[in-house]
């Protein structure tokens, strides 16, 4: 299967594109964003990496058709989990939070929580492909990101907000002037997962409290009111005894399963 078949995209205007992996049909499927600037272009999250995302972007002219336009393209992962970081190795410039640099550089499929099943792939990307063979490929980040760093695209700036909890290196990218918040898995429309390796409930609560403070001023993919409701519900639920027990139980099961499927991981 070609990259042209594997991906689909929609233009949201003002140099922003939403890209999805058509045949990865799972609740884990990440949103892939392409944001064009006057001096720098950025891909935010890269999906599984089963087909070339740079080839798709180029073939569809998403960076423009002007042959004189030679902006550098930076791929940033909002965190290291496989559904967001699997395609990073396809890019020359790669950014990730400092807390997860080693996981990506070492190809640590325990920390990337690589957990993919055949039933999640509606059409195999190549003959004989099986999910059990899938691994996130090691990649050396070129941009080590920290809280408060600014990615300058020229006509717009993305500020790095460290939002740990779902993972230790989770970040959001905040376009203050255009009231855009690329939230990754710091907050999303669904049950928020806090039981994976390196998840931390107390950090997640703090991150949600911080997100609530941004709600009235900024927009994200499902709107400020929905963000406020999701973050508030997580905060109220996370401190209860049943929730603590459930988190412990799921973390134990997830850790055992990931160690079994990634026996050579450094964990």
C-alpha atoms as a PDB file:
ATOM      1  CA  UNK A   1       0.000   0.000   0.000  1.00  0.00           C
ATOM      2  CA  UNK A   2       1.278   3.453  -0.868  1.00  0.00           C
ATOM      3  CA  UNK A   3       1.446   6.429   1.443  1.00  0.00           C
ATOM      4  CA  UNK A   4      -1.234   8.061  -0.731  1.00  0.00           C
ATOM      5  CA  UNK A   5      -3.635   5.272   0.214  1.00  0.00           C
ATOM      6  CA  UNK A   6      -2.631   4.955   3.863  1.00  0.00           C
ATOM      7  CA  UNK A   7      -3.178   8.607   4.831  1.00  0.00           C
ATOM      8  CA  UNK A   8      -5.948  11.152   4.296  1.00  0.00           C
ATOM      9  CA  UNK A   9      -5.987  14.839   5.131  1.00  0.00           C
ATOM     10  CA  UNK A  10      -8.233  17.851   5.503  1.00  0.00           C
ATOM     11  CA  UNK A  11      -7.239  21.501   5.235  1.00  0.00           C
ATOM     12  CA  UNK A  12      -8.490  23.568   8.170  1.00  0.00           C
ATOM     13  CA  UNK A  13      -7.268  26.850   6.699  1.00  0.00           C
ATOM     14  CA  UNK A  14      -4.464  29.231   7.621  1.00  0.00           C
ATOM     15  CA  UNK A  15      -1.776  26.654   6.865  1.00  0.00           C
ATOM     16  CA  UNK A  16      -3.163  23.984   9.198  1.00  0.00           C
ATOM     17  CA  UNK A  17      -3.813  20.404   8.009  1.00  0.00           C
ATOM     18  CA  UNK A  18      -5.327  17.451   9.864  1.00  0.00           C
ATOM     19  CA  UNK A  19      -3.919  14.096   8.749  1.00  0.00           C
ATOM     20  CA  UNK A  20      -5.121  10.625   9.712  1.00  0.00           C
ATOM     21  CA  UNK A  21      -4.083   7.030   9.099  1.00  0.00           C
ATOM     22  CA  UNK A  22      -7.130   5.688   7.275  1.00  0.00           C
ATOM     23  CA  UNK A  23      -6.681   2.003   8.003  1.00  0.00           C
ATOM     24  CA  UNK A  24      -5.577   2.269  11.625  1.00  0.00           C
ATOM     25  CA  UNK A  25      -9.019   1.964  13.165  1.00  0.00           C
ATOM     26  CA  UNK A  26      -8.518   2.206  16.885  1.00  0.00           C
ATOM     27  CA  UNK A  27      -9.361   4.488  19.777  1.00  0.00           C
ATOM     28  CA  UNK A  28      -5.586   4.948  20.044  1.00  0.00           C
ATOM     29  CA  UNK A  29      -5.301   6.559  16.623  1.00  0.00           C
ATOM     30  CA  UNK A  30      -3.574   9.889  17.018  1.00  0.00           C
ATOM     31  CA  UNK A  31      -4.368  13.101  15.232  1.00  0.00           C
ATOM     32  CA  UNK A  32      -1.479  14.188  13.027  1.00  0.00           C
ATOM     33  CA  UNK A  33      -1.153  17.924  12.459  1.00  0.00           C
ATOM     34  CA  UNK A  34       0.835  19.847   9.860  1.00  0.00           C
ATOM     35  CA  UNK A  35       1.311  23.542  10.508  1.00  0.00           C
ATOM     36  CA  UNK A  36       2.962  25.764   7.915  1.00  0.00           C
ATOM     37  CA  UNK A  37       4.875  28.891   8.823  1.00  0.00           C
ATOM     38  CA  UNK A  38       6.746  31.521   6.880  1.00  0.00           C
ATOM     39  CA  UNK A  39      10.162  30.215   7.992  1.00  0.00           C
ATOM     40  CA  UNK A  40       9.529  26.793   9.560  1.00  0.00           C
ATOM     41  CA  UNK A  41       6.956  24.018   9.101  1.00  0.00           C
ATOM     42  CA  UNK A  42       5.996  21.609  11.877  1.00  0.00           C
ATOM     43  CA  UNK A  43       4.408  18.164  11.978  1.00  0.00           C
ATOM     44  CA  UNK A  44       2.839  17.485  15.371  1.00  0.00           C
ATOM     45  CA  UNK A  45       2.736  13.728  16.069  1.00  0.00           C
ATOM     46  CA  UNK A  46       3.495  11.220  13.344  1.00  0.00           C
ATOM     47  CA  UNK A  47       1.258   8.175  13.842  1.00  0.00           C
ATOM     48  CA  UNK A  48       2.509   4.606  13.527  1.00  0.00           C
ATOM     49  CA  UNK A  49       4.999   5.231  10.744  1.00  0.00           C
ATOM     50  CA  UNK A  50       3.852   2.282   8.639  1.00  0.00           C
ATOM     51  CA  UNK A  51       4.036   4.374   5.483  1.00  0.00           C
ATOM     52  CA  UNK A  52       6.079   7.480   4.683  1.00  0.00           C
ATOM     53  CA  UNK A  53       4.421  10.583   6.056  1.00  0.00           C
ATOM     54  CA  UNK A  54       6.967  12.934   4.410  1.00  0.00           C
ATOM     55  CA  UNK A  55       6.214  11.313   1.037  1.00  0.00           C
ATOM     56  CA  UNK A  56       2.479  11.850   1.559  1.00  0.00           C
ATOM     57  CA  UNK A  57       2.960  15.485   2.551  1.00  0.00           C
ATOM     58  CA  UNK A  58       5.173  16.113  -0.479  1.00  0.00           C
ATOM     59  CA  UNK A  59       2.996  14.238  -2.988  1.00  0.00           C
ATOM     60  CA  UNK A  60      -0.107  16.168  -1.937  1.00  0.00           C
ATOM     61  CA  UNK A  61       1.595  19.556  -2.025  1.00  0.00           C
ATOM     62  CA  UNK A  62       0.754  20.290   1.606  1.00  0.00           C
ATOM     63  CA  UNK A  63       3.860  22.446   1.952  1.00  0.00           C
ATOM     64  CA  UNK A  64       2.973  24.409  -1.171  1.00  0.00           C
ATOM     65  CA  UNK A  65       3.945  24.067  -4.804  1.00  0.00           C
ATOM     66  CA  UNK A  66       6.488  26.879  -4.954  1.00  0.00           C
ATOM     67  CA  UNK A  67       9.850  25.203  -5.797  1.00  0.00           C
ATOM     68  CA  UNK A  68      11.656  28.111  -4.145  1.00  0.00           C
ATOM     69  CA  UNK A  69      10.013  27.399  -0.807  1.00  0.00           C
ATOM     70  CA  UNK A  70      12.559  25.414   1.226  1.00  0.00           C
ATOM     71  CA  UNK A  71      11.351  25.682   4.803  1.00  0.00           C
ATOM     72  CA  UNK A  72      12.829  23.150   7.232  1.00  0.00           C
ATOM     73  CA  UNK A  73      10.314  20.562   8.461  1.00  0.00           C
ATOM     74  CA  UNK A  74      10.377  19.661  12.148  1.00  0.00           C
ATOM     75  CA  UNK A  75       8.475  16.650  13.504  1.00  0.00           C
ATOM     76  CA  UNK A  76       7.466  17.028  17.155  1.00  0.00           C
ATOM     77  CA  UNK A  77       5.990  14.238  19.263  1.00  0.00           C
ATOM     78  CA  UNK A  78       3.651  15.385  22.017  1.00  0.00           C
ATOM     79  CA  UNK A  79       4.906  12.263  23.817  1.00  0.00           C
ATOM     80  CA  UNK A  80       6.762   9.043  23.076  1.00  0.00           C
ATOM     81  CA  UNK A  81       3.860   6.571  22.884  1.00  0.00           C
ATOM     82  CA  UNK A  82       3.921   4.461  19.712  1.00  0.00           C
ATOM     83  CA  UNK A  83       0.781   5.889  18.108  1.00  0.00           C
ATOM     84  CA  UNK A  84       2.314   9.373  18.241  1.00  0.00           C
ATOM     85  CA  UNK A  85       6.023   8.660  17.719  1.00  0.00           C
ATOM     86  CA  UNK A  86       6.114   5.732  15.294  1.00  0.00           C
ATOM     87  CA  UNK A  87       6.874   7.898  12.263  1.00  0.00           C
ATOM     88  CA  UNK A  88       9.539  10.133  13.816  1.00  0.00           C
ATOM     89  CA  UNK A  89      12.354   8.139  12.231  1.00  0.00           C
ATOM     90  CA  UNK A  90      11.172   9.332   8.806  1.00  0.00           C
ATOM     91  CA  UNK A  91      12.177  12.944   9.557  1.00  0.00           C
ATOM     92  CA  UNK A  92      15.601  14.612   9.712  1.00  0.00           C
ATOM     93  CA  UNK A  93      14.550  17.041  12.453  1.00  0.00           C
ATOM     94  CA  UNK A  94      12.809  15.543  15.477  1.00  0.00           C
ATOM     95  CA  UNK A  95      11.652  17.194  18.702  1.00  0.00           C
ATOM     96  CA  UNK A  96      10.511  15.632  21.975  1.00  0.00           C
ATOM     97  CA  UNK A  97      10.511  16.573  25.655  1.00  0.00           C
ATOM     98  CA  UNK A  98      13.793  15.894  27.453  1.00  0.00           C
ATOM     99  CA  UNK A  99      12.149  13.306  29.731  1.00  0.00           C
ATOM    100  CA  UNK A 100      11.561  10.961  26.780  1.00  0.00           C
ATOM    101  CA  UNK A 101      14.677  11.493  24.676  1.00  0.00           C
ATOM    102  CA  UNK A 102      16.304   8.275  25.878  1.00  0.00           C
ATOM    103  CA  UNK A 103      13.193   6.182  25.204  1.00  0.00           C
ATOM    104  CA  UNK A 104      13.208   7.242  21.555  1.00  0.00           C
ATOM    105  CA  UNK A 105      16.973   7.133  21.093  1.00  0.00           C
ATOM    106  CA  UNK A 106      17.098   3.584  22.499  1.00  0.00           C
ATOM    107  CA  UNK A 107      13.976   2.322  20.728  1.00  0.00           C
ATOM    108  CA  UNK A 108      12.487   1.426  24.119  1.00  0.00           C
ATOM    109  CA  UNK A 109       9.185  -0.192  23.148  1.00  0.00           C
ATOM    110  CA  UNK A 110       8.243  -0.592  26.815  1.00  0.00           C
ATOM    111  CA  UNK A 111       8.155   3.153  27.391  1.00  0.00           C
ATOM    112  CA  UNK A 112       6.585   3.784  23.976  1.00  0.00           C
ATOM    113  CA  UNK A 113       3.894   1.272  25.128  1.00  0.00           C
ATOM    114  CA  UNK A 114       3.934  -0.470  21.751  1.00  0.00           C
ATOM    115  CA  UNK A 115       0.740  -2.499  21.886  1.00  0.00           C
ATOM    116  CA  UNK A 116      -0.814  -3.047  18.477  1.00  0.00           C
ATOM    117  CA  UNK A 117      -3.175  -5.786  17.317  1.00  0.00           C
ATOM    118  CA  UNK A 118      -4.055  -7.105  13.850  1.00  0.00           C
ATOM    119  CA  UNK A 119      -7.722  -6.233  14.336  1.00  0.00           C
ATOM    120  CA  UNK A 120      -6.834  -2.534  14.646  1.00  0.00           C
ATOM    121  CA  UNK A 121      -5.368  -2.518  11.124  1.00  0.00           C
ATOM    122  CA  UNK A 122      -8.314  -2.731   8.708  1.00  0.00           C
ATOM    123  CA  UNK A 123      -6.102  -3.262   5.662  1.00  0.00           C
ATOM    124  CA  UNK A 124      -2.542  -4.518   6.016  1.00  0.00           C
ATOM    125  CA  UNK A 125       0.040  -2.019   4.698  1.00  0.00           C
ATOM    126  CA  UNK A 126       1.922  -4.823   2.937  1.00  0.00           C
ATOM    127  CA  UNK A 127       1.369  -8.533   2.186  1.00  0.00           C
ATOM    128  CA  UNK A 128       2.016 -10.725   5.201  1.00  0.00           C
ATOM    129  CA  UNK A 129       2.261  -7.802   7.616  1.00  0.00           C
ATOM    130  CA  UNK A 130       1.462  -8.703  11.238  1.00  0.00           C
ATOM    131  CA  UNK A 131       1.058  -6.409  14.217  1.00  0.00           C
ATOM    132  CA  UNK A 132       3.266  -8.597  16.428  1.00  0.00           C
ATOM    133  CA  UNK A 133       6.270  -7.584  14.310  1.00  0.00           C
ATOM    134  CA  UNK A 134       5.626  -3.861  14.700  1.00  0.00           C
ATOM    135  CA  UNK A 135       8.108  -1.854  16.769  1.00  0.00           C
ATOM    136  CA  UNK A 136       8.857   1.839  17.126  1.00  0.00           C
ATOM    137  CA  UNK A 137      12.203   2.446  15.446  1.00  0.00           C
ATOM    138  CA  UNK A 138      14.934   4.213  17.373  1.00  0.00           C
ATOM    139  CA  UNK A 139      15.491   7.853  16.452  1.00  0.00           C
ATOM    140  CA  UNK A 140      17.866  10.439  17.893  1.00  0.00           C
ATOM    141  CA  UNK A 141      15.968  13.680  18.646  1.00  0.00           C
ATOM    142  CA  UNK A 142      17.610  16.804  17.279  1.00  0.00           C
ATOM    143  CA  UNK A 143      15.472  19.209  19.337  1.00  0.00           C
ATOM    144  CA  UNK A 144      15.268  18.490  23.080  1.00  0.00           C
ATOM    145  CA  UNK A 145      12.291  20.423  24.362  1.00  0.00           C
ATOM    146  CA  UNK A 146      11.616  21.922  27.785  1.00  0.00           C
ATOM    147  CA  UNK A 147       8.814  23.866  29.444  1.00  0.00           C
ATOM    148  CA  UNK A 148       8.622  27.372  27.984  1.00  0.00           C
ATOM    149  CA  UNK A 149      10.629  26.692  24.827  1.00  0.00           C
ATOM    150  CA  UNK A 150       9.315  28.482  21.746  1.00  0.00           C
ATOM    151  CA  UNK A 151       9.266  26.914  18.278  1.00  0.00           C
ATOM    152  CA  UNK A 152       9.417  29.870  15.903  1.00  0.00           C
ATOM    153  CA  UNK A 153       7.627  29.301  12.599  1.00  0.00           C
ATOM    154  CA  UNK A 154       8.130  32.904  11.511  1.00  0.00           C
ATOM    155  CA  UNK A 155       4.583  34.194  11.429  1.00  0.00           C
ATOM    156  CA  UNK A 156       3.509  32.149  14.440  1.00  0.00           C
ATOM    157  CA  UNK A 157       5.096  30.703  17.560  1.00  0.00           C
ATOM    158  CA  UNK A 158       4.405  27.480  19.420  1.00  0.00           C
ATOM    159  CA  UNK A 159       5.169  27.479  23.134  1.00  0.00           C
ATOM    160  CA  UNK A 160       6.002  24.167  24.797  1.00  0.00           C
ATOM    161  CA  UNK A 161       3.888  23.368  27.863  1.00  0.00           C
ATOM    162  CA  UNK A 162       5.100  20.359  29.843  1.00  0.00           C
ATOM    163  CA  UNK A 163       1.950  18.466  30.889  1.00  0.00           C
ATOM    164  CA  UNK A 164       3.056  15.178  32.502  1.00  0.00           C
ATOM    165  CA  UNK A 165       0.634  12.562  33.764  1.00  0.00           C
ATOM    166  CA  UNK A 166      -0.349  10.438  30.785  1.00  0.00           C
ATOM    167  CA  UNK A 167       3.387  10.046  30.223  1.00  0.00           C
ATOM    168  CA  UNK A 168       6.343  11.722  31.883  1.00  0.00           C
ATOM    169  CA  UNK A 169       7.252  13.742  28.794  1.00  0.00           C
ATOM    170  CA  UNK A 170       3.788  14.751  27.602  1.00  0.00           C
ATOM    171  CA  UNK A 171       3.619  18.247  26.151  1.00  0.00           C
ATOM    172  CA  UNK A 172       1.084  20.594  24.622  1.00  0.00           C
ATOM    173  CA  UNK A 173       2.016  23.131  21.958  1.00  0.00           C
ATOM    174  CA  UNK A 174       0.349  26.493  22.432  1.00  0.00           C
ATOM    175  CA  UNK A 175      -0.162  28.996  19.628  1.00  0.00           C
ATOM    176  CA  UNK A 176      -1.175  31.894  21.825  1.00  0.00           C
ATOM    177  CA  UNK A 177      -1.831  34.449  19.106  1.00  0.00           C
ATOM    178  CA  UNK A 178      -4.139  32.154  17.139  1.00  0.00           C
ATOM    179  CA  UNK A 179      -5.720  30.594  20.242  1.00  0.00           C
ATOM    180  CA  UNK A 180      -4.729  27.059  19.275  1.00  0.00           C
ATOM    181  CA  UNK A 181      -3.738  24.341  21.708  1.00  0.00           C
ATOM    182  CA  UNK A 182      -2.322  21.080  20.354  1.00  0.00           C
ATOM    183  CA  UNK A 183      -2.938  18.919  23.387  1.00  0.00           C
ATOM    184  CA  UNK A 184      -1.717  15.457  22.374  1.00  0.00           C
ATOM    185  CA  UNK A 185      -2.871  13.020  25.031  1.00  0.00           C
ATOM    186  CA  UNK A 186      -2.651  15.509  27.887  1.00  0.00           C
ATOM    187  CA  UNK A 187      -6.402  15.824  27.390  1.00  0.00           C
ATOM    188  CA  UNK A 188      -8.679  14.247  24.811  1.00  0.00           C
ATOM    189  CA  UNK A 189     -12.290  13.310  24.190  1.00  0.00           C
ATOM    190  CA  UNK A 190     -12.478   9.943  25.971  1.00  0.00           C
ATOM    191  CA  UNK A 191     -11.469   8.109  29.144  1.00  0.00           C
ATOM    192  CA  UNK A 192      -8.102   9.540  30.149  1.00  0.00           C
ATOM    193  CA  UNK A 193      -5.444   6.861  30.635  1.00  0.00           C
ATOM    194  CA  UNK A 194      -3.277   7.190  33.732  1.00  0.00           C
ATOM    195  CA  UNK A 195      -2.202   3.584  34.279  1.00  0.00           C
ATOM    196  CA  UNK A 196       0.571   3.089  31.723  1.00  0.00           C
ATOM    197  CA  UNK A 197       4.288   2.816  32.533  1.00  0.00           C
ATOM    198  CA  UNK A 198       5.492   6.251  33.636  1.00  0.00           C
ATOM    199  CA  UNK A 199       1.941   7.576  34.030  1.00  0.00           C
ATOM    200  CA  UNK A 200       1.497   9.525  37.261  1.00  0.00           C
ATOM    201  CA  UNK A 201      -1.921  10.440  38.653  1.00  0.00           C
ATOM    202  CA  UNK A 202      -0.699  13.359  40.780  1.00  0.00           C
ATOM    203  CA  UNK A 203       1.058  14.890  37.771  1.00  0.00           C
ATOM    204  CA  UNK A 204      -2.043  14.339  35.643  1.00  0.00           C
ATOM    205  CA  UNK A 205      -4.194  16.189  38.172  1.00  0.00           C
ATOM    206  CA  UNK A 206      -1.756  19.136  38.159  1.00  0.00           C
ATOM    207  CA  UNK A 207      -1.720  19.200  34.364  1.00  0.00           C
ATOM    208  CA  UNK A 208      -5.528  19.158  34.212  1.00  0.00           C
ATOM    209  CA  UNK A 209      -5.693  22.014  36.701  1.00  0.00           C
ATOM    210  CA  UNK A 210      -3.317  23.953  34.493  1.00  0.00           C
ATOM    211  CA  UNK A 211      -5.391  23.194  31.399  1.00  0.00           C
ATOM    212  CA  UNK A 212      -8.529  24.483  33.105  1.00  0.00           C
ATOM    213  CA  UNK A 213      -6.706  27.775  33.588  1.00  0.00           C
ATOM    214  CA  UNK A 214      -6.224  28.011  29.814  1.00  0.00           C
ATOM    215  CA  UNK A 215      -9.798  27.141  28.862  1.00  0.00           C
ATOM    216  CA  UNK A 216     -11.362  30.575  28.793  1.00  0.00           C
ATOM    217  CA  UNK A 217      -8.631  31.999  26.571  1.00  0.00           C
ATOM    218  CA  UNK A 218      -7.792  29.261  24.103  1.00  0.00           C
ATOM    219  CA  UNK A 219      -9.292  26.783  21.675  1.00  0.00           C
ATOM    220  CA  UNK A 220      -8.484  23.177  20.927  1.00  0.00           C
ATOM    221  CA  UNK A 221      -9.915  20.486  18.690  1.00  0.00           C
ATOM    222  CA  UNK A 222     -13.065  19.865  20.726  1.00  0.00           C
ATOM    223  CA  UNK A 223     -13.653  23.298  22.237  1.00  0.00           C
ATOM    224  CA  UNK A 224     -13.046  25.051  25.531  1.00  0.00           C
ATOM    225  CA  UNK A 225     -16.209  23.909  27.334  1.00  0.00           C
ATOM    226  CA  UNK A 226     -15.560  20.266  26.542  1.00  0.00           C
ATOM    227  CA  UNK A 227     -11.920  20.582  27.622  1.00  0.00           C
ATOM    228  CA  UNK A 228     -13.016  22.124  30.934  1.00  0.00           C
ATOM    229  CA  UNK A 229     -15.502  19.306  31.530  1.00  0.00           C
ATOM    230  CA  UNK A 230     -13.013  16.522  30.699  1.00  0.00           C
ATOM    231  CA  UNK A 231     -10.249  17.969  32.879  1.00  0.00           C
ATOM    232  CA  UNK A 232     -12.629  18.684  35.779  1.00  0.00           C
ATOM    233  CA  UNK A 233     -14.109  15.187  35.663  1.00  0.00           C
ATOM    234  CA  UNK A 234     -10.654  13.627  35.740  1.00  0.00           C
ATOM    235  CA  UNK A 235      -9.598  15.715  38.749  1.00  0.00           C
ATOM    236  CA  UNK A 236     -12.738  14.796  40.707  1.00  0.00           C
ATOM    237  CA  UNK A 237     -12.470  11.095  39.868  1.00  0.00           C
ATOM    238  CA  UNK A 238      -8.726  10.599  40.283  1.00  0.00           C
ATOM    239  CA  UNK A 239      -8.676  11.077  44.040  1.00  0.00           C
ATOM    240  CA  UNK A 240     -11.287   8.439  44.880  1.00  0.00           C
ATOM    241  CA  UNK A 241     -10.376   5.045  46.324  1.00  0.00           C
ATOM    242  CA  UNK A 242     -11.983   3.002  43.497  1.00  0.00           C
ATOM    243  CA  UNK A 243     -10.108   5.034  40.919  1.00  0.00           C
ATOM    244  CA  UNK A 244      -6.792   4.540  42.751  1.00  0.00           C
ATOM    245  CA  UNK A 245      -7.326   0.776  42.915  1.00  0.00           C
ATOM    246  CA  UNK A 246      -8.344   0.629  39.251  1.00  0.00           C
ATOM    247  CA  UNK A 247      -5.250   2.596  38.212  1.00  0.00           C
ATOM    248  CA  UNK A 248      -2.987   0.276  40.212  1.00  0.00           C
ATOM    249  CA  UNK A 249      -4.608  -2.832  38.742  1.00  0.00           C
ATOM    250  CA  UNK A 250      -4.442  -1.610  35.149  1.00  0.00           C
ATOM    251  CA  UNK A 251      -0.842  -0.438  35.555  1.00  0.00           C
ATOM    252  CA  UNK A 252       0.156  -3.884  36.823  1.00  0.00           C
ATOM    253  CA  UNK A 253      -1.557  -5.673  33.939  1.00  0.00           C
ATOM    254  CA  UNK A 254      -0.185  -3.235  31.348  1.00  0.00           C
ATOM    255  CA  UNK A 255       3.348  -3.559  32.700  1.00  0.00           C
ATOM    256  CA  UNK A 256       3.261  -7.349  32.560  1.00  0.00           C
ATOM    257  CA  UNK A 257       1.818  -7.368  29.034  1.00  0.00           C
ATOM    258  CA  UNK A 258       4.343  -4.853  27.731  1.00  0.00           C
ATOM    259  CA  UNK A 259       7.280  -6.695  29.269  1.00  0.00           C
ATOM    260  CA  UNK A 260       6.064  -9.917  27.691  1.00  0.00           C
ATOM    261  CA  UNK A 261       5.731  -8.352  24.230  1.00  0.00           C
ATOM    262  CA  UNK A 262       8.996  -6.377  24.519  1.00  0.00           C
ATOM    263  CA  UNK A 263      11.355  -8.810  26.262  1.00  0.00           C
ATOM    264  CA  UNK A 264      14.546  -6.981  25.295  1.00  0.00           C
ATOM    265  CA  UNK A 265      13.475  -3.600  26.678  1.00  0.00           C
ATOM    266  CA  UNK A 266      15.554  -1.873  29.330  1.00  0.00           C
ATOM    267  CA  UNK A 267      12.876  -1.764  32.026  1.00  0.00           C
END
